[in-house]
Amino acid sequence: MNIGITLMVVGMVTVFSVLLIIIALSNLLINIVNKVAPEEQEKAKAVQTSRPVSPEVMEIIRQAVSKITNGKGRVAEVVKA
């Protein structure tokens, strides 16, 4: 019985130690990769100029949204690309 408990404790300590080593090496690898090849910065998105939607089309969109949402929906903005 005593040998079994000793074997279990040694096994659990070994597994825990190996996992700690894996975590430490993974963090080290992440830091090295971040220094060698930093993440690329996103390019600023170009601001698109849009043409305004005609009043007739805007009214049709408002009516469609009102009908679909039973009068609860509201059109805040429509942008034509």
PDB file of N, CA and C in Angstrom:
ATOM      1  N   MET A   1       0.828  -1.190   0.000  1.00  0.00           N
ATOM      2  CA  MET A   1       0.000   0.000   0.000  1.00  0.00           C
ATOM      3  C   MET A   1       0.874   1.257   0.000  1.00  0.00           C
ATOM      4  N   ASN A   2       1.921   1.258   0.802  1.00  0.00           N
ATOM      5  CA  ASN A   2       2.810   2.399   0.909  1.00  0.00           C
ATOM      6  C   ASN A   2       3.543   2.655  -0.401  1.00  0.00           C
ATOM      7  N   ILE A   3       3.920   1.612  -1.110  1.00  0.00           N
ATOM      8  CA  ILE A   3       4.613   1.754  -2.390  1.00  0.00           C
ATOM      9  C   ILE A   3       3.678   2.375  -3.430  1.00  0.00           C
ATOM     10  N   GLY A   4       2.422   2.015  -3.404  1.00  0.00           N
ATOM     11  CA  GLY A   4       1.450   2.551  -4.349  1.00  0.00           C
ATOM     12  C   GLY A   4       1.259   4.051  -4.188  1.00  0.00           C
ATOM     13  N   ILE A   5       1.143   4.484  -2.946  1.00  0.00           N
ATOM     14  CA  ILE A   5       0.969   5.917  -2.684  1.00  0.00           C
ATOM     15  C   ILE A   5       2.220   6.685  -3.091  1.00  0.00           C
ATOM     16  N   THR A   6       3.377   6.144  -2.790  1.00  0.00           N
ATOM     17  CA  THR A   6       4.639   6.791  -3.168  1.00  0.00           C
ATOM     18  C   THR A   6       4.745   6.906  -4.682  1.00  0.00           C
ATOM     19  N   LEU A   7       4.411   5.824  -5.377  1.00  0.00           N
ATOM     20  CA  LEU A   7       4.458   5.822  -6.834  1.00  0.00           C
ATOM     21  C   LEU A   7       3.485   6.846  -7.415  1.00  0.00           C
ATOM     22  N   MET A   8       2.294   6.945  -6.832  1.00  0.00           N
ATOM     23  CA  MET A   8       1.300   7.913  -7.301  1.00  0.00           C
ATOM     24  C   MET A   8       1.794   9.345  -7.096  1.00  0.00           C
ATOM     25  N   VAL A   9       2.360   9.638  -5.946  1.00  0.00           N
ATOM     26  CA  VAL A   9       2.848  10.989  -5.660  1.00  0.00           C
ATOM     27  C   VAL A   9       4.006  11.345  -6.585  1.00  0.00           C
ATOM     28  N   VAL A  10       4.932  10.412  -6.781  1.00  0.00           N
ATOM     29  CA  VAL A  10       6.067  10.668  -7.681  1.00  0.00           C
ATOM     30  C   VAL A  10       5.558  10.904  -9.105  1.00  0.00           C
ATOM     31  N   GLY A  11       4.586  10.140  -9.542  1.00  0.00           N
ATOM     32  CA  GLY A  11       4.028  10.308 -10.886  1.00  0.00           C
ATOM     33  C   GLY A  11       3.341  11.646 -11.047  1.00  0.00           C
ATOM     34  N   MET A  12       2.565  12.038 -10.069  1.00  0.00           N
ATOM     35  CA  MET A  12       1.853  13.314 -10.158  1.00  0.00           C
ATOM     36  C   MET A  12       2.827  14.493 -10.140  1.00  0.00           C
ATOM     37  N   VAL A  13       3.855  14.421  -9.307  1.00  0.00           N
ATOM     38  CA  VAL A  13       4.855  15.489  -9.261  1.00  0.00           C
ATOM     39  C   VAL A  13       5.611  15.555 -10.587  1.00  0.00           C
ATOM     40  N   THR A  14       5.902  14.414 -11.174  1.00  0.00           N
ATOM     41  CA  THR A  14       6.599  14.381 -12.457  1.00  0.00           C
ATOM     42  C   THR A  14       5.756  15.022 -13.553  1.00  0.00           C
ATOM     43  N   VAL A  15       4.492  14.646 -13.632  1.00  0.00           N
ATOM     44  CA  VAL A  15       3.600  15.214 -14.650  1.00  0.00           C
ATOM     45  C   VAL A  15       3.454  16.716 -14.436  1.00  0.00           C
ATOM     46  N   PHE A  16       3.279  17.157 -13.209  1.00  0.00           N
ATOM     47  CA  PHE A  16       3.143  18.575 -12.923  1.00  0.00           C
ATOM     48  C   PHE A  16       4.409  19.336 -13.321  1.00  0.00           C
ATOM     49  N   SER A  17       5.577  18.767 -13.030  1.00  0.00           N
ATOM     50  CA  SER A  17       6.848  19.410 -13.390  1.00  0.00           C
ATOM     51  C   SER A  17       7.008  19.521 -14.899  1.00  0.00           C
ATOM     52  N   VAL A  18       6.661  18.448 -15.621  1.00  0.00           N
ATOM     53  CA  VAL A  18       6.769  18.466 -17.079  1.00  0.00           C
ATOM     54  C   VAL A  18       5.829  19.522 -17.659  1.00  0.00           C
ATOM     55  N   LEU A  19       4.618  19.630 -17.131  1.00  0.00           N
ATOM     56  CA  LEU A  19       3.689  20.642 -17.617  1.00  0.00           C
ATOM     57  C   LEU A  19       4.204  22.054 -17.350  1.00  0.00           C
ATOM     58  N   LEU A  20       4.798  22.294 -16.205  1.00  0.00           N
ATOM     59  CA  LEU A  20       5.379  23.610 -15.922  1.00  0.00           C
ATOM     60  C   LEU A  20       6.512  23.936 -16.886  1.00  0.00           C
ATOM     61  N   ILE A  21       7.334  22.939 -17.203  1.00  0.00           N
ATOM     62  CA  ILE A  21       8.425  23.150 -18.158  1.00  0.00           C
ATOM     63  C   ILE A  21       7.858  23.477 -19.540  1.00  0.00           C
ATOM     64  N   ILE A  22       6.803  22.778 -19.955  1.00  0.00           N
ATOM     65  CA  ILE A  22       6.186  23.041 -21.258  1.00  0.00           C
ATOM     66  C   ILE A  22       5.619  24.458 -21.303  1.00  0.00           C
ATOM     67  N   ILE A  23       4.959  24.898 -20.232  1.00  0.00           N
ATOM     68  CA  ILE A  23       4.393  26.252 -20.193  1.00  0.00           C
ATOM     69  C   ILE A  23       5.501  27.298 -20.267  1.00  0.00           C
ATOM     70  N   ALA A  24       6.582  27.095 -19.525  1.00  0.00           N
ATOM     71  CA  ALA A  24       7.692  28.055 -19.523  1.00  0.00           C
ATOM     72  C   ALA A  24       8.340  28.132 -20.908  1.00  0.00           C
ATOM     73  N   LEU A  25       8.570  26.985 -21.542  1.00  0.00           N
ATOM     74  CA  LEU A  25       9.183  26.986 -22.873  1.00  0.00           C
ATOM     75  C   LEU A  25       8.243  27.599 -23.914  1.00  0.00           C
ATOM     76  N   SER A  26       6.957  27.375 -23.776  1.00  0.00           N
ATOM     77  CA  SER A  26       5.996  27.964 -24.707  1.00  0.00           C
ATOM     78  C   SER A  26       5.998  29.484 -24.595  1.00  0.00           C
ATOM     79  N   ASN A  27       6.005  29.998 -23.366  1.00  0.00           N
ATOM     80  CA  ASN A  27       6.051  31.452 -23.176  1.00  0.00           C
ATOM     81  C   ASN A  27       7.352  32.038 -23.724  1.00  0.00           C
ATOM     82  N   LEU A  28       8.456  31.329 -23.539  1.00  0.00           N
ATOM     83  CA  LEU A  28       9.732  31.776 -24.071  1.00  0.00           C
ATOM     84  C   LEU A  28       9.683  31.823 -25.603  1.00  0.00           C
ATOM     85  N   LEU A  29       9.135  30.792 -26.213  1.00  0.00           N
ATOM     86  CA  LEU A  29       9.015  30.746 -27.672  1.00  0.00           C
ATOM     87  C   LEU A  29       8.128  31.876 -28.181  1.00  0.00           C
ATOM     88  N   ILE A  30       7.032  32.146 -27.505  1.00  0.00           N
ATOM     89  CA  ILE A  30       6.133  33.238 -27.908  1.00  0.00           C
ATOM     90  C   ILE A  30       6.869  34.572 -27.846  1.00  0.00           C
ATOM     91  N   ASN A  31       7.621  34.803 -26.788  1.00  0.00           N
ATOM     92  CA  ASN A  31       8.361  36.066 -26.655  1.00  0.00           C
ATOM     93  C   ASN A  31       9.415  36.209 -27.742  1.00  0.00           C
ATOM     94  N   ILE A  32      10.115  35.128 -28.050  1.00  0.00           N
ATOM     95  CA  ILE A  32      11.144  35.172 -29.099  1.00  0.00           C
ATOM     96  C   ILE A  32      10.509  35.465 -30.448  1.00  0.00           C
ATOM     97  N   VAL A  33       9.419  34.790 -30.763  1.00  0.00           N
ATOM     98  CA  VAL A  33       8.758  35.003 -32.052  1.00  0.00           C
ATOM     99  C   VAL A  33       8.233  36.428 -32.154  1.00  0.00           C
ATOM    100  N   ASN A  34       7.681  36.970 -31.081  1.00  0.00           N
ATOM    101  CA  ASN A  34       7.171  38.341 -31.111  1.00  0.00           C
ATOM    102  C   ASN A  34       8.281  39.366 -31.317  1.00  0.00           C
ATOM    103  N   LYS A  35       9.481  39.086 -30.823  1.00  0.00           N
ATOM    104  CA  LYS A  35      10.596  40.008 -31.022  1.00  0.00           C
ATOM    105  C   LYS A  35      11.174  39.888 -32.427  1.00  0.00           C
ATOM    106  N   VAL A  36      11.263  38.678 -32.937  1.00  0.00           N
ATOM    107  CA  VAL A  36      11.858  38.454 -34.254  1.00  0.00           C
ATOM    108  C   VAL A  36      10.908  38.883 -35.363  1.00  0.00           C
ATOM    109  N   ALA A  37       9.653  38.501 -35.273  1.00  0.00           N
ATOM    110  CA  ALA A  37       8.667  38.807 -36.318  1.00  0.00           C
ATOM    111  C   ALA A  37       7.443  39.441 -35.673  1.00  0.00           C
ATOM    112  N   PRO A  38       7.493  40.756 -35.409  1.00  0.00           N
ATOM    113  CA  PRO A  38       6.340  41.396 -34.779  1.00  0.00           C
ATOM    114  C   PRO A  38       5.127  41.389 -35.703  1.00  0.00           C
ATOM    115  N   GLU A  39       3.965  41.468 -35.100  1.00  0.00           N
ATOM    116  CA  GLU A  39       2.715  41.451 -35.847  1.00  0.00           C
ATOM    117  C   GLU A  39       2.632  42.679 -36.737  1.00  0.00           C
ATOM    118  N   GLU A  40       2.178  42.470 -37.964  1.00  0.00           N
ATOM    119  CA  GLU A  40       2.074  43.574 -38.906  1.00  0.00           C
ATOM    120  C   GLU A  40       0.968  44.529 -38.474  1.00  0.00           C
ATOM    121  N   GLN A  41       1.225  45.805 -38.643  1.00  0.00           N
ATOM    122  CA  GLN A  41       0.231  46.813 -38.316  1.00  0.00           C
ATOM    123  C   GLN A  41      -0.801  46.868 -39.438  1.00  0.00           C
ATOM    124  N   GLU A  42      -2.054  46.980 -39.060  1.00  0.00           N
ATOM    125  CA  GLU A  42      -3.099  47.078 -40.069  1.00  0.00           C
ATOM    126  C   GLU A  42      -2.987  48.424 -40.768  1.00  0.00           C
ATOM    127  N   LYS A  43      -3.115  48.381 -42.069  1.00  0.00           N
ATOM    128  CA  LYS A  43      -3.088  49.620 -42.830  1.00  0.00           C
ATOM    129  C   LYS A  43      -4.383  50.376 -42.567  1.00  0.00           C
ATOM    130  N   ALA A  44      -4.262  51.671 -42.491  1.00  0.00           N
ATOM    131  CA  ALA A  44      -5.449  52.493 -42.258  1.00  0.00           C
ATOM    132  C   ALA A  44      -6.392  52.327 -43.436  1.00  0.00           C
ATOM    133  N   LYS A  45      -7.625  52.036 -43.116  1.00  0.00           N
ATOM    134  CA  LYS A  45      -8.608  51.856 -44.175  1.00  0.00           C
ATOM    135  C   LYS A  45      -8.893  53.199 -44.832  1.00  0.00           C
ATOM    136  N   ALA A  46      -8.896  53.171 -46.131  1.00  0.00           N
ATOM    137  CA  ALA A  46      -9.177  54.392 -46.873  1.00  0.00           C
ATOM    138  C   ALA A  46     -10.636  54.775 -46.668  1.00  0.00           C
ATOM    139  N   VAL A  47     -10.849  56.028 -46.437  1.00  0.00           N
ATOM    140  CA  VAL A  47     -12.207  56.513 -46.260  1.00  0.00           C
ATOM    141  C   VAL A  47     -12.864  56.585 -47.627  1.00  0.00           C
ATOM    142  N   GLN A  48     -13.972  55.882 -47.757  1.00  0.00           N
ATOM    143  CA  GLN A  48     -14.663  55.866 -49.030  1.00  0.00           C
ATOM    144  C   GLN A  48     -15.663  57.009 -49.069  1.00  0.00           C
ATOM    145  N   THR A  49     -15.653  57.685 -50.187  1.00  0.00           N
ATOM    146  CA  THR A  49     -16.670  58.717 -50.365  1.00  0.00           C
ATOM    147  C   THR A  49     -17.878  58.049 -50.980  1.00  0.00           C
ATOM    148  N   SER A  50     -19.017  58.302 -50.414  1.00  0.00           N
ATOM    149  CA  SER A  50     -20.221  57.643 -50.895  1.00  0.00           C
ATOM    150  C   SER A  50     -21.184  58.668 -51.450  1.00  0.00           C
ATOM    151  N   ARG A  51     -21.977  58.217 -52.375  1.00  0.00           N
ATOM    152  CA  ARG A  51     -22.992  59.082 -52.971  1.00  0.00           C
ATOM    153  C   ARG A  51     -24.254  58.981 -52.133  1.00  0.00           C
ATOM    154  N   PRO A  52     -24.963  60.075 -51.976  1.00  0.00           N
ATOM    155  CA  PRO A  52     -26.205  60.015 -51.196  1.00  0.00           C
ATOM    156  C   PRO A  52     -27.285  59.230 -51.937  1.00  0.00           C
ATOM    157  N   VAL A  53     -28.154  58.605 -51.173  1.00  0.00           N
ATOM    158  CA  VAL A  53     -29.260  57.835 -51.741  1.00  0.00           C
ATOM    159  C   VAL A  53     -30.380  58.799 -52.081  1.00  0.00           C
ATOM    160  N   SER A  54     -31.032  58.566 -53.189  1.00  0.00           N
ATOM    161  CA  SER A  54     -32.104  59.465 -53.606  1.00  0.00           C
ATOM    162  C   SER A  54     -33.266  59.402 -52.608  1.00  0.00           C
ATOM    163  N   PRO A  55     -34.037  60.473 -52.491  1.00  0.00           N
ATOM    164  CA  PRO A  55     -35.152  60.504 -51.536  1.00  0.00           C
ATOM    165  C   PRO A  55     -36.199  59.426 -51.809  1.00  0.00           C
ATOM    166  N   GLU A  56     -36.426  59.088 -53.077  1.00  0.00           N
ATOM    167  CA  GLU A  56     -37.407  58.046 -53.400  1.00  0.00           C
ATOM    168  C   GLU A  56     -36.969  56.684 -52.869  1.00  0.00           C
ATOM    169  N   VAL A  57     -35.701  56.377 -53.085  1.00  0.00           N
ATOM    170  CA  VAL A  57     -35.172  55.090 -52.609  1.00  0.00           C
ATOM    171  C   VAL A  57     -35.172  55.062 -51.084  1.00  0.00           C
ATOM    172  N   MET A  58     -34.831  56.180 -50.469  1.00  0.00           N
ATOM    173  CA  MET A  58     -34.823  56.254 -48.997  1.00  0.00           C
ATOM    174  C   MET A  58     -36.215  56.009 -48.434  1.00  0.00           C
ATOM    175  N   GLU A  59     -37.223  56.570 -49.059  1.00  0.00           N
ATOM    176  CA  GLU A  59     -38.596  56.378 -48.591  1.00  0.00           C
ATOM    177  C   GLU A  59     -39.025  54.926 -48.755  1.00  0.00           C
ATOM    178  N   ILE A  60     -38.636  54.292 -49.849  1.00  0.00           N
ATOM    179  CA  ILE A  60     -38.962  52.877 -50.061  1.00  0.00           C
ATOM    180  C   ILE A  60     -38.298  52.018 -48.992  1.00  0.00           C
ATOM    181  N   ILE A  61     -37.059  52.328 -48.677  1.00  0.00           N
ATOM    182  CA  ILE A  61     -36.343  51.571 -47.639  1.00  0.00           C
ATOM    183  C   ILE A  61     -37.019  51.772 -46.290  1.00  0.00           C
ATOM    184  N   ARG A  62     -37.411  53.000 -45.969  1.00  0.00           N
ATOM    185  CA  ARG A  62     -38.104  53.262 -44.698  1.00  0.00           C
ATOM    186  C   ARG A  62     -39.408  52.482 -44.605  1.00  0.00           C
ATOM    187  N   GLN A  63     -40.172  52.481 -45.680  1.00  0.00           N
ATOM    188  CA  GLN A  63     -41.448  51.758 -45.680  1.00  0.00           C
ATOM    189  C   GLN A  63     -41.228  50.252 -45.526  1.00  0.00           C
ATOM    190  N   ALA A  64     -40.213  49.717 -46.197  1.00  0.00           N
ATOM    191  CA  ALA A  64     -39.931  48.282 -46.103  1.00  0.00           C
ATOM    192  C   ALA A  64     -39.528  47.904 -44.681  1.00  0.00           C
ATOM    193  N   VAL A  65     -38.658  48.696 -44.078  1.00  0.00           N
ATOM    194  CA  VAL A  65     -38.217  48.414 -42.713  1.00  0.00           C
ATOM    195  C   VAL A  65     -39.389  48.532 -41.749  1.00  0.00           C
ATOM    196  N   SER A  66     -40.243  49.552 -41.955  1.00  0.00           N
ATOM    197  CA  SER A  66     -41.404  49.736 -41.088  1.00  0.00           C
ATOM    198  C   SER A  66     -42.363  48.551 -41.193  1.00  0.00           C
ATOM    199  N   LYS A  67     -42.567  48.066 -42.414  1.00  0.00           N
ATOM    200  CA  LYS A  67     -43.485  46.944 -42.614  1.00  0.00           C
ATOM    201  C   LYS A  67     -42.915  45.655 -42.019  1.00  0.00           C
ATOM    202  N   ILE A  68     -41.637  45.417 -42.238  1.00  0.00           N
ATOM    203  CA  ILE A  68     -41.016  44.178 -41.742  1.00  0.00           C
ATOM    204  C   ILE A  68     -40.982  44.152 -40.220  1.00  0.00           C
ATOM    205  N   THR A  69     -40.728  45.305 -39.594  1.00  0.00           N
ATOM    206  CA  THR A  69     -40.586  45.345 -38.135  1.00  0.00           C
ATOM    207  C   THR A  69     -41.862  45.772 -37.437  1.00  0.00           C
ATOM    208  N   ASN A  70     -42.970  45.835 -38.162  1.00  0.00           N
ATOM    209  CA  ASN A  70     -44.262  46.252 -37.601  1.00  0.00           C
ATOM    210  C   ASN A  70     -44.196  47.632 -36.952  1.00  0.00           C
ATOM    211  N   GLY A  71     -43.484  48.543 -37.584  1.00  0.00           N
ATOM    212  CA  GLY A  71     -43.400  49.911 -37.099  1.00  0.00           C
ATOM    213  C   GLY A  71     -42.403  50.130 -35.989  1.00  0.00           C
ATOM    214  N   LYS A  72     -41.674  49.097 -35.563  1.00  0.00           N
ATOM    215  CA  LYS A  72     -40.731  49.237 -34.457  1.00  0.00           C
ATOM    216  C   LYS A  72     -39.328  49.592 -34.931  1.00  0.00           C
ATOM    217  N   GLY A  73     -39.024  49.283 -36.189  1.00  0.00           N
ATOM    218  CA  GLY A  73     -37.685  49.551 -36.718  1.00  0.00           C
ATOM    219  C   GLY A  73     -37.573  50.954 -37.259  1.00  0.00           C
ATOM    220  N   ARG A  74     -36.343  51.436 -37.354  1.00  0.00           N
ATOM    221  CA  ARG A  74     -36.093  52.780 -37.830  1.00  0.00           C
ATOM    222  C   ARG A  74     -34.803  52.772 -38.624  1.00  0.00           C
ATOM    223  N   VAL A  75     -34.787  53.452 -39.752  1.00  0.00           N
ATOM    224  CA  VAL A  75     -33.596  53.543 -40.594  1.00  0.00           C
ATOM    225  C   VAL A  75     -32.784  54.739 -40.117  1.00  0.00           C
ATOM    226  N   ALA A  76     -31.548  54.461 -39.670  1.00  0.00           N
ATOM    227  CA  ALA A  76     -30.704  55.536 -39.190  1.00  0.00           C
ATOM    228  C   ALA A  76     -29.893  56.144 -40.314  1.00  0.00           C
ATOM    229  N   GLU A  77     -29.367  55.304 -41.191  1.00  0.00           N
ATOM    230  CA  GLU A  77     -28.498  55.806 -42.246  1.00  0.00           C
ATOM    231  C   GLU A  77     -28.436  54.792 -43.363  1.00  0.00           C
ATOM    232  N   VAL A  78     -28.421  55.280 -44.584  1.00  0.00           N
ATOM    233  CA  VAL A  78     -28.245  54.432 -45.749  1.00  0.00           C
ATOM    234  C   VAL A  78     -27.123  55.046 -46.570  1.00  0.00           C
ATOM    235  N   VAL A  79     -26.113  54.240 -46.851  1.00  0.00           N
ATOM    236  CA  VAL A  79     -24.958  54.733 -47.603  1.00  0.00           C
ATOM    237  C   VAL A  79     -24.839  53.909 -48.866  1.00  0.00           C
ATOM    238  N   LYS A  80     -24.747  54.567 -49.975  1.00  0.00           N
ATOM    239  CA  LYS A  80     -24.587  53.916 -51.266  1.00  0.00           C
ATOM    240  C   LYS A  80     -23.100  53.846 -51.573  1.00  0.00           C
ATOM    241  N   ALA A  81     -22.618  52.645 -51.763  1.00  0.00           N
ATOM    242  CA  ALA A  81     -21.183  52.468 -52.015  1.00  0.00           C
ATOM    243  C   ALA A  81     -20.849  52.700 -53.458  1.00  0.00           C
TER     244      ALA A  81
END
